[in-house]
C-alpha atoms as a PDB file:
ATOM      1  CA  MET A   1     -34.128  -9.900 -80.984  1.00  0.00           C
ATOM      2  CA  ASP A   2     -37.108  -7.835 -82.025  1.00  0.00           C
ATOM      3  CA  LEU A   3     -40.065  -8.492 -79.740  1.00  0.00           C
ATOM      4  CA  LYS A   4     -43.498  -7.202 -80.663  1.00  0.00           C
ATOM      5  CA  THR A   5     -47.112  -8.140 -80.250  1.00  0.00           C
ATOM      6  CA  SER A   6     -48.764 -10.247 -82.892  1.00  0.00           C
ATOM      7  CA  GLY A   7     -50.250  -8.446 -85.842  1.00  0.00           C
ATOM      8  CA  ALA A   8     -53.305 -10.641 -85.416  1.00  0.00           C
ATOM      9  CA  GLY A   9     -54.367  -8.374 -82.542  1.00  0.00           C
ATOM     10  CA  PHE A  10     -56.041  -9.538 -79.353  1.00  0.00           C
ATOM     11  CA  THR A  11     -58.003 -12.617 -78.325  1.00  0.00           C
ATOM     12  CA  PRO A  12     -60.750 -12.260 -75.688  1.00  0.00           C
ATOM     13  CA  PHE A  13     -60.907 -14.597 -72.681  1.00  0.00           C
ATOM     14  CA  GLN A  14     -63.397 -14.878 -69.856  1.00  0.00           C
ATOM     15  CA  ALA A  15     -62.140 -12.961 -66.821  1.00  0.00           C
ATOM     16  CA  ALA A  16     -61.304 -15.539 -64.143  1.00  0.00           C
ATOM     17  CA  ASN A  17     -61.157 -14.604 -60.458  1.00  0.00           C
ATOM     18  CA  ILE A  18     -57.718 -14.009 -58.933  1.00  0.00           C
ATOM     19  CA  ASN A  19     -56.706 -14.040 -55.255  1.00  0.00           C
ATOM     20  CA  ILE A  20     -54.646 -10.992 -54.290  1.00  0.00           C
ATOM     21  CA  ARG A  21     -54.330  -8.411 -51.514  1.00  0.00           C
ATOM     22  CA  CYS A  22     -56.146  -5.177 -52.287  1.00  0.00           C
ATOM     23  CA  PRO A  23     -53.731  -2.224 -52.338  1.00  0.00           C
ATOM     24  CA  SER A  24     -56.493   0.026 -50.982  1.00  0.00           C
ATOM     25  CA  CYS A  25     -58.211  -1.864 -48.141  1.00  0.00           C
ATOM     26  CA  ARG A  26     -55.343  -4.408 -47.698  1.00  0.00           C
ATOM     27  CA  HIS A  27     -57.746  -7.368 -47.449  1.00  0.00           C
ATOM     28  CA  VAL A  28     -57.030 -10.565 -49.368  1.00  0.00           C
ATOM     29  CA  GLY A  29     -59.922 -11.518 -51.594  1.00  0.00           C
ATOM     30  CA  SER A  30     -61.076 -13.191 -54.762  1.00  0.00           C
ATOM     31  CA  PHE A  31     -61.131 -10.374 -57.307  1.00  0.00           C
ATOM     32  CA  GLY A  32     -63.646 -10.862 -60.121  1.00  0.00           C
ATOM     33  CA  GLY A  33     -64.147  -9.105 -63.424  1.00  0.00           C
ATOM     34  CA  ILE A  34     -66.428  -6.169 -64.154  1.00  0.00           C
ATOM     35  CA  GLY A  35     -68.276  -7.689 -67.097  1.00  0.00           C
ATOM     36  CA  LEU A  36     -65.427  -7.259 -69.585  1.00  0.00           C
ATOM     37  CA  ASN A  37     -63.334 -10.041 -71.097  1.00  0.00           C
ATOM     38  CA  ASP A  38     -59.614 -10.291 -70.526  1.00  0.00           C
ATOM     39  CA  MET A  39     -57.543  -9.813 -73.653  1.00  0.00           C
ATOM     40  CA  SER A  40     -54.578 -11.922 -74.747  1.00  0.00           C
ATOM     41  CA  THR A  41     -51.866 -11.073 -77.255  1.00  0.00           C
ATOM     42  CA  THR A  42     -48.994 -13.121 -78.674  1.00  0.00           C
ATOM     43  CA  ILE A  43     -45.384 -11.992 -78.286  1.00  0.00           C
ATOM     44  CA  ILE A  44     -43.365 -12.427 -81.487  1.00  0.00           C
ATOM     45  CA  ASP A  45     -39.576 -12.826 -81.792  1.00  0.00           C
ATOM     46  CA  LYS A  46     -38.262 -11.652 -85.151  1.00  0.00           C
ATOM     47  CA  ASN A  47     -34.884 -13.383 -85.419  1.00  0.00           C
ATOM     48  CA  GLN A  48     -31.852 -12.563 -87.553  1.00  0.00           C
ATOM     49  CA  ASN A  49     -33.226 -14.627 -90.422  1.00  0.00           C
ATOM     50  CA  GLY A  50     -36.316 -12.473 -90.538  1.00  0.00           C
ATOM     51  CA  ARG A  51     -38.613 -15.248 -89.356  1.00  0.00           C
ATOM     52  CA  ASN A  52     -41.337 -14.564 -86.825  1.00  0.00           C
ATOM     53  CA  THR A  53     -41.678 -17.004 -83.931  1.00  0.00           C
ATOM     54  CA  ALA A  54     -44.224 -16.879 -81.137  1.00  0.00           C
ATOM     55  CA  VAL A  55     -42.336 -16.831 -77.842  1.00  0.00           C
ATOM     56  CA  GLY A  56     -45.186 -16.318 -75.397  1.00  0.00           C
ATOM     57  CA  THR A  57     -48.439 -14.628 -74.581  1.00  0.00           C
ATOM     58  CA  LYS A  58     -49.565 -11.814 -72.336  1.00  0.00           C
ATOM     59  CA  THR A  59     -53.060 -11.510 -70.902  1.00  0.00           C
ATOM     60  CA  PHE A  60     -54.471  -8.400 -69.259  1.00  0.00           C
ATOM     61  CA  GLY A  61     -57.754  -7.232 -67.825  1.00  0.00           C
ATOM     62  CA  ILE A  62     -59.594  -5.399 -65.069  1.00  0.00           C
ATOM     63  CA  ARG A  63     -60.657  -6.688 -61.642  1.00  0.00           C
ATOM     64  CA  ILE A  64     -62.628  -5.229 -58.743  1.00  0.00           C
ATOM     65  CA  CYS A  65     -62.146  -5.658 -54.986  1.00  0.00           C
ATOM     66  CA  PRO A  66     -64.857  -7.908 -53.474  1.00  0.00           C
ATOM     67  CA  ASN A  67     -64.936  -5.839 -50.278  1.00  0.00           C
ATOM     68  CA  THR A  68     -68.199  -3.899 -50.559  1.00  0.00           C
ATOM     69  CA  GLU A  69     -66.712  -1.064 -48.503  1.00  0.00           C
ATOM     70  CA  CYS A  70     -63.818  -0.725 -50.940  1.00  0.00           C
ATOM     71  CA  ARG A  71     -64.635  -1.851 -54.516  1.00  0.00           C
ATOM     72  CA  SER A  72     -61.303  -0.589 -55.833  1.00  0.00           C
ATOM     73  CA  VAL A  73     -60.615  -1.329 -59.496  1.00  0.00           C
ATOM     74  CA  LEU A  74     -57.282  -2.871 -60.570  1.00  0.00           C
ATOM     75  CA  PHE A  75     -55.519  -3.471 -63.860  1.00  0.00           C
ATOM     76  CA  ILE A  76     -53.916  -6.935 -63.967  1.00  0.00           C
ATOM     77  CA  ALA A  77     -51.488  -8.625 -66.342  1.00  0.00           C
ATOM     78  CA  LYS A  78     -50.701 -12.365 -66.563  1.00  0.00           C
ATOM     79  CA  ASP A  79     -47.926 -14.322 -68.224  1.00  0.00           C
ATOM     80  CA  GLY A  80     -48.384 -17.289 -70.545  1.00  0.00           C
ATOM     81  CA  SER A  81     -48.860 -19.697 -67.625  1.00  0.00           C
ATOM     82  CA  GLY A  82     -51.758 -17.660 -66.275  1.00  0.00           C
ATOM     83  CA  ALA A  83     -49.827 -16.392 -63.238  1.00  0.00           C
ATOM     84  CA  VAL A  84     -50.460 -12.779 -62.242  1.00  0.00           C
ATOM     85  CA  LYS A  85     -47.268 -10.812 -62.942  1.00  0.00           C
ATOM     86  CA  LEU A  86     -48.498  -7.278 -62.393  1.00  0.00           C
ATOM     87  CA  THR A  87     -51.289  -5.348 -60.746  1.00  0.00           C
ATOM     88  CA  PHE A  88     -51.826  -1.633 -60.864  1.00  0.00           C
ATOM     89  CA  PRO A  89     -52.028  -0.206 -58.299  1.00  0.00           C
ATOM     90  CA  PRO A  90     -49.538  -2.812 -57.000  1.00  0.00           C
ATOM     91  CA  GLU A  91     -50.128  -5.111 -54.052  1.00  0.00           C
ATOM     92  CA  ILE A  92     -48.579  -3.886 -50.808  1.00  0.00           C
ATOM     93  CA  ILE A  93     -47.151  -5.497 -47.681  1.00  0.00           C
ATOM     94  CA  ASP A  94     -49.844  -5.718 -45.018  1.00  0.00           C
ATOM     95  CA  PHE A  95     -49.363  -3.879 -41.720  1.00  0.00           C
ATOM     96  CA  ASP A  96     -51.248  -2.982 -38.545  1.00  0.00           C
ATOM     97  CA  ALA A  97     -51.821   0.754 -38.135  1.00  0.00           C
ATOM     98  CA  THR A  98     -53.302   0.456 -34.621  1.00  0.00           C
ATOM     99  CA  ASN A  99     -52.051   3.173 -32.225  1.00  0.00           C
ATOM    100  CA  LEU A 100     -49.304   4.381 -34.561  1.00  0.00           C
ATOM    101  CA  PRO A 101     -48.771   8.163 -34.361  1.00  0.00           C
ATOM    102  CA  PRO A 102     -49.693   9.927 -37.641  1.00  0.00           C
ATOM    103  CA  ASN A 103     -46.117  10.892 -38.589  1.00  0.00           C
ATOM    104  CA  ILE A 104     -44.826   7.362 -38.024  1.00  0.00           C
ATOM    105  CA  LEU A 105     -47.745   5.833 -39.886  1.00  0.00           C
ATOM    106  CA  SER A 106     -47.194   8.183 -42.824  1.00  0.00           C
ATOM    107  CA  SER A 107     -43.497   7.255 -43.107  1.00  0.00           C
ATOM    108  CA  LEU A 108     -44.185   3.519 -42.809  1.00  0.00           C
ATOM    109  CA  GLU A 109     -46.905   3.698 -45.460  1.00  0.00           C
ATOM    110  CA  GLU A 110     -44.557   5.537 -47.811  1.00  0.00           C
ATOM    111  CA  ALA A 111     -41.851   2.893 -47.262  1.00  0.00           C
ATOM    112  CA  ILE A 112     -44.355   0.158 -48.114  1.00  0.00           C
ATOM    113  CA  LYS A 113     -45.631   1.971 -51.217  1.00  0.00           C
ATOM    114  CA  CYS A 114     -42.063   2.507 -52.439  1.00  0.00           C
ATOM    115  CA  HIS A 115     -41.390  -1.214 -51.999  1.00  0.00           C
ATOM    116  CA  ALA A 116     -44.549  -2.116 -53.933  1.00  0.00           C
ATOM    117  CA  SER A 117     -43.441   0.155 -56.781  1.00  0.00           C
ATOM    118  CA  GLY A 118     -39.966  -1.383 -56.951  1.00  0.00           C
ATOM    119  CA  CYS A 119     -38.253   1.706 -55.485  1.00  0.00           C
ATOM    120  CA  TYR A 120     -36.237  -0.255 -52.944  1.00  0.00           C
ATOM    121  CA  ARG A 121     -33.621   2.338 -51.988  1.00  0.00           C
ATOM    122  CA  ALA A 122     -36.377   4.895 -51.485  1.00  0.00           C
ATOM    123  CA  SER A 123     -38.172   2.334 -49.322  1.00  0.00           C
ATOM    124  CA  ALA A 124     -35.063   1.847 -47.156  1.00  0.00           C
ATOM    125  CA  LEU A 125     -34.769   5.616 -46.761  1.00  0.00           C
ATOM    126  CA  MET A 126     -38.370   5.821 -45.541  1.00  0.00           C
ATOM    127  CA  VAL A 127     -37.761   2.987 -43.076  1.00  0.00           C
ATOM    128  CA  ARG A 128     -34.905   5.087 -41.685  1.00  0.00           C
ATOM    129  CA  ARG A 129     -37.296   8.062 -41.555  1.00  0.00           C
ATOM    130  CA  THR A 130     -39.716   5.866 -39.591  1.00  0.00           C
ATOM    131  CA  LEU A 131     -36.936   5.246 -37.059  1.00  0.00           C
ATOM    132  CA  GLU A 132     -36.305   8.977 -36.805  1.00  0.00           C
ATOM    133  CA  GLU A 133     -40.012   9.615 -36.224  1.00  0.00           C
ATOM    134  CA  LEU A 134     -40.067   6.915 -33.542  1.00  0.00           C
ATOM    135  CA  CYS A 135     -37.108   8.446 -31.711  1.00  0.00           C
ATOM    136  CA  ASP A 136     -38.689  11.889 -31.928  1.00  0.00           C
ATOM    137  CA  ASP A 137     -42.043  10.648 -30.609  1.00  0.00           C
ATOM    138  CA  LYS A 138     -40.415   8.857 -27.671  1.00  0.00           C
ATOM    139  CA  LYS A 139     -38.036  11.781 -26.956  1.00  0.00           C
ATOM    140  CA  ALA A 140     -34.999   9.539 -27.385  1.00  0.00           C
ATOM    141  CA  THR A 141     -31.903  11.726 -27.113  1.00  0.00           C
ATOM    142  CA  GLY A 142     -28.458  11.570 -28.694  1.00  0.00           C
ATOM    143  CA  GLU A 143     -26.158  13.468 -31.023  1.00  0.00           C
ATOM    144  CA  ASN A 144     -27.080  11.280 -34.005  1.00  0.00           C
ATOM    145  CA  LEU A 145     -29.580   8.607 -35.002  1.00  0.00           C
ATOM    146  CA  LYS A 146     -27.307   5.785 -33.837  1.00  0.00           C
ATOM    147  CA  ALA A 147     -27.233   7.266 -30.327  1.00  0.00           C
ATOM    148  CA  ARG A 148     -30.958   7.997 -30.322  1.00  0.00           C
ATOM    149  CA  VAL A 149     -31.789   4.433 -31.357  1.00  0.00           C
ATOM    150  CA  ALA A 150     -29.535   3.115 -28.584  1.00  0.00           C
ATOM    151  CA  SER A 151     -31.304   5.333 -26.032  1.00  0.00           C
ATOM    152  CA  LEU A 152     -34.751   4.010 -26.969  1.00  0.00           C
ATOM    153  CA  SER A 153     -34.356   1.324 -24.296  1.00  0.00           C
ATOM    154  CA  ALA A 154     -34.545   4.070 -21.640  1.00  0.00           C
ATOM    155  CA  VAL A 155     -37.922   5.365 -22.843  1.00  0.00           C
ATOM    156  CA  ALA A 156     -39.652   2.221 -24.158  1.00  0.00           C
ATOM    157  CA  VAL A 157     -39.676  -1.495 -23.373  1.00  0.00           C
ATOM    158  CA  ILE A 158     -37.931  -3.002 -26.397  1.00  0.00           C
ATOM    159  CA  PRO A 159     -36.156  -6.391 -26.557  1.00  0.00           C
ATOM    160  CA  SER A 160     -32.415  -6.057 -27.148  1.00  0.00           C
ATOM    161  CA  GLU A 161     -32.710  -8.086 -30.366  1.00  0.00           C
ATOM    162  CA  LEU A 162     -35.118  -5.504 -31.805  1.00  0.00           C
ATOM    163  CA  LEU A 163     -32.822  -2.661 -30.780  1.00  0.00           C
ATOM    164  CA  ASN A 164     -29.987  -4.349 -32.645  1.00  0.00           C
ATOM    165  CA  ALA A 165     -32.290  -4.771 -35.636  1.00  0.00           C
ATOM    166  CA  ALA A 166     -33.207  -1.075 -35.440  1.00  0.00           C
ATOM    167  CA  ASP A 167     -29.534  -0.148 -35.744  1.00  0.00           C
ATOM    168  CA  GLU A 168     -29.248  -2.384 -38.816  1.00  0.00           C
ATOM    169  CA  LEU A 169     -32.222  -0.529 -40.318  1.00  0.00           C
ATOM    170  CA  ARG A 170     -30.362   2.731 -39.678  1.00  0.00           C
ATOM    171  CA  ILE A 171     -27.301   1.348 -41.486  1.00  0.00           C
ATOM    172  CA  LEU A 172     -29.424   0.139 -44.398  1.00  0.00           C
ATOM    173  CA  GLY A 173     -30.917   3.621 -44.669  1.00  0.00           C
ATOM    174  CA  ASN A 174     -27.406   5.085 -44.738  1.00  0.00           C
ATOM    175  CA  ASP A 175     -26.486   2.806 -47.622  1.00  0.00           C
ATOM    176  CA  ALA A 176     -29.617   3.898 -49.494  1.00  0.00           C
ATOM    177  CA  ALA A 177     -28.753   7.574 -49.025  1.00  0.00           C
ATOM    178  CA  HIS A 178     -24.978   7.662 -49.483  1.00  0.00           C
ATOM    179  CA  ILE A 179     -22.871   6.311 -52.353  1.00  0.00           C
ATOM    180  CA  GLU A 180     -19.826   5.847 -50.146  1.00  0.00           C
ATOM    181  CA  ALA A 181     -21.698   3.666 -47.621  1.00  0.00           C
ATOM    182  CA  LYS A 182     -20.947  -0.011 -48.352  1.00  0.00           C
ATOM    183  CA  ASP A 183     -22.231  -2.010 -45.379  1.00  0.00           C
ATOM    184  CA  TYR A 184     -24.740  -3.788 -47.641  1.00  0.00           C
ATOM    185  CA  ASP A 185     -23.792  -5.057 -51.113  1.00  0.00           C
ATOM    186  CA  GLN A 186     -27.127  -3.992 -52.542  1.00  0.00           C
ATOM    187  CA  ILE A 187     -30.561  -2.780 -51.562  1.00  0.00           C
ATOM    188  CA  GLY A 188     -33.120  -4.724 -53.518  1.00  0.00           C
ATOM    189  CA  LYS A 189     -36.509  -6.308 -53.008  1.00  0.00           C
ATOM    190  CA  VAL A 190     -35.400  -8.744 -50.297  1.00  0.00           C
ATOM    191  CA  GLU A 191     -33.488  -6.131 -48.280  1.00  0.00           C
ATOM    192  CA  SER A 192     -36.350  -3.637 -48.537  1.00  0.00           C
ATOM    193  CA  GLU A 193     -38.972  -6.195 -47.536  1.00  0.00           C
ATOM    194  CA  LEU A 194     -36.962  -7.418 -44.558  1.00  0.00           C
ATOM    195  CA  ALA A 195     -36.395  -3.836 -43.397  1.00  0.00           C
ATOM    196  CA  ILE A 196     -40.141  -3.174 -43.468  1.00  0.00           C
ATOM    197  CA  GLU A 197     -40.919  -6.371 -41.564  1.00  0.00           C
ATOM    198  CA  LEU A 198     -38.369  -5.507 -38.864  1.00  0.00           C
ATOM    199  CA  ALA A 199     -39.736  -1.966 -38.627  1.00  0.00           C
ATOM    200  CA  LYS A 200     -43.234  -3.392 -38.168  1.00  0.00           C
ATOM    201  CA  GLU A 201     -42.034  -5.604 -35.300  1.00  0.00           C
ATOM    202  CA  LEU A 202     -40.281  -2.663 -33.649  1.00  0.00           C
ATOM    203  CA  LEU A 203     -43.427  -0.544 -33.834  1.00  0.00           C
ATOM    204  CA  LYS A 204     -45.498  -3.408 -32.450  1.00  0.00           C
ATOM    205  CA  ALA A 205     -43.202  -3.637 -29.435  1.00  0.00           C
ATOM    206  CA  VAL A 206     -43.395   0.103 -28.765  1.00  0.00           C
ATOM    207  CA  TYR A 207     -47.020   0.940 -29.552  1.00  0.00           C
ATOM    208  CA  GLN A 208     -49.178  -2.137 -29.974  1.00  0.00           C
ATOM    209  CA  TYR A 209     -48.271  -4.825 -27.437  1.00  0.00           C
ATOM    210  CA  THR A 210     -48.896  -2.425 -24.564  1.00  0.00           C
ATOM    211  CA  ALA A 211     -52.298  -1.511 -26.009  1.00  0.00           C
ATOM    212  CA  LEU A 212     -53.229  -5.206 -26.298  1.00  0.00           C
ATOM    213  CA  LEU A 213     -52.205  -5.807 -22.687  1.00  0.00           C
ATOM    214  CA  ALA A 214     -54.234  -2.767 -21.570  1.00  0.00           C
ATOM    215  CA  ARG A 215     -57.306  -4.129 -23.357  1.00  0.00           C
ATOM    216  CA  LEU A 216     -56.850  -7.519 -21.678  1.00  0.00           C
ATOM    217  CA  THR A 217     -56.415  -5.895 -18.253  1.00  0.00           C
ATOM    218  CA  ALA A 218     -59.527  -3.759 -18.776  1.00  0.00           C
ATOM    219  CA  LEU A 219     -61.497  -6.861 -19.735  1.00  0.00           C
ATOM    220  CA  LYS A 220     -60.314  -8.664 -16.600  1.00  0.00           C
ATOM    221  CA  LYS A 221     -61.368  -5.769 -14.366  1.00  0.00           C
ATOM    222  CA  SER A 222     -64.774  -5.518 -16.002  1.00  0.00           C
ATOM    223  CA  LYS A 223     -65.456  -9.145 -15.110  1.00  0.00           C
ATOM    224  CA  GLY A 224     -64.344  -8.713 -11.521  1.00  0.00           C
ATOM    225  CA  PRO A 225     -61.821 -10.781  -9.547  1.00  0.00           C
END
């Protein structure tokens, strides 16, 4: 099969708004065009008989974030059905950065960016690094990461289910780093995404729920008994 774009060139289309999450400000919005048409091209299959057959179309264009404090510009590509198949920079998983120490935030952001770029093993490695940063920040002790994760319960209020999940994240990171590790059959998009979501919940339990409770308590005191 010899796939190529049509020799007829490109067909302009009006740039329709698309709803996506901005990779810069992380807000979901209706991204409009910048005054330029989208362009569409036909994909041709040259079969063994030498005949050209149109097998689909690709449409691409430029969009801008509607957030006036952001206004990031994206390249987008659609398939023949009009569904968005690609954005560059890519969309990212949303997360709450409130009260996260800089080192932990940096590792989590890198894990999320790796996931968005399709680098799923690298993402799992950075989730493991996030765990290491968490243990270091909370002074959790132990001869290895498994022991330090287990000792987190002594220095932070964490549900046992989340501690068990944290150990699974450690194992997933091992599989991403070492060829001989075989606890998980593969580390792909689903595994990477689930690891990030569990890491987010763990960080919420350690850093963010307490802050929310403190804000509520402060509000109660300010209003009196």
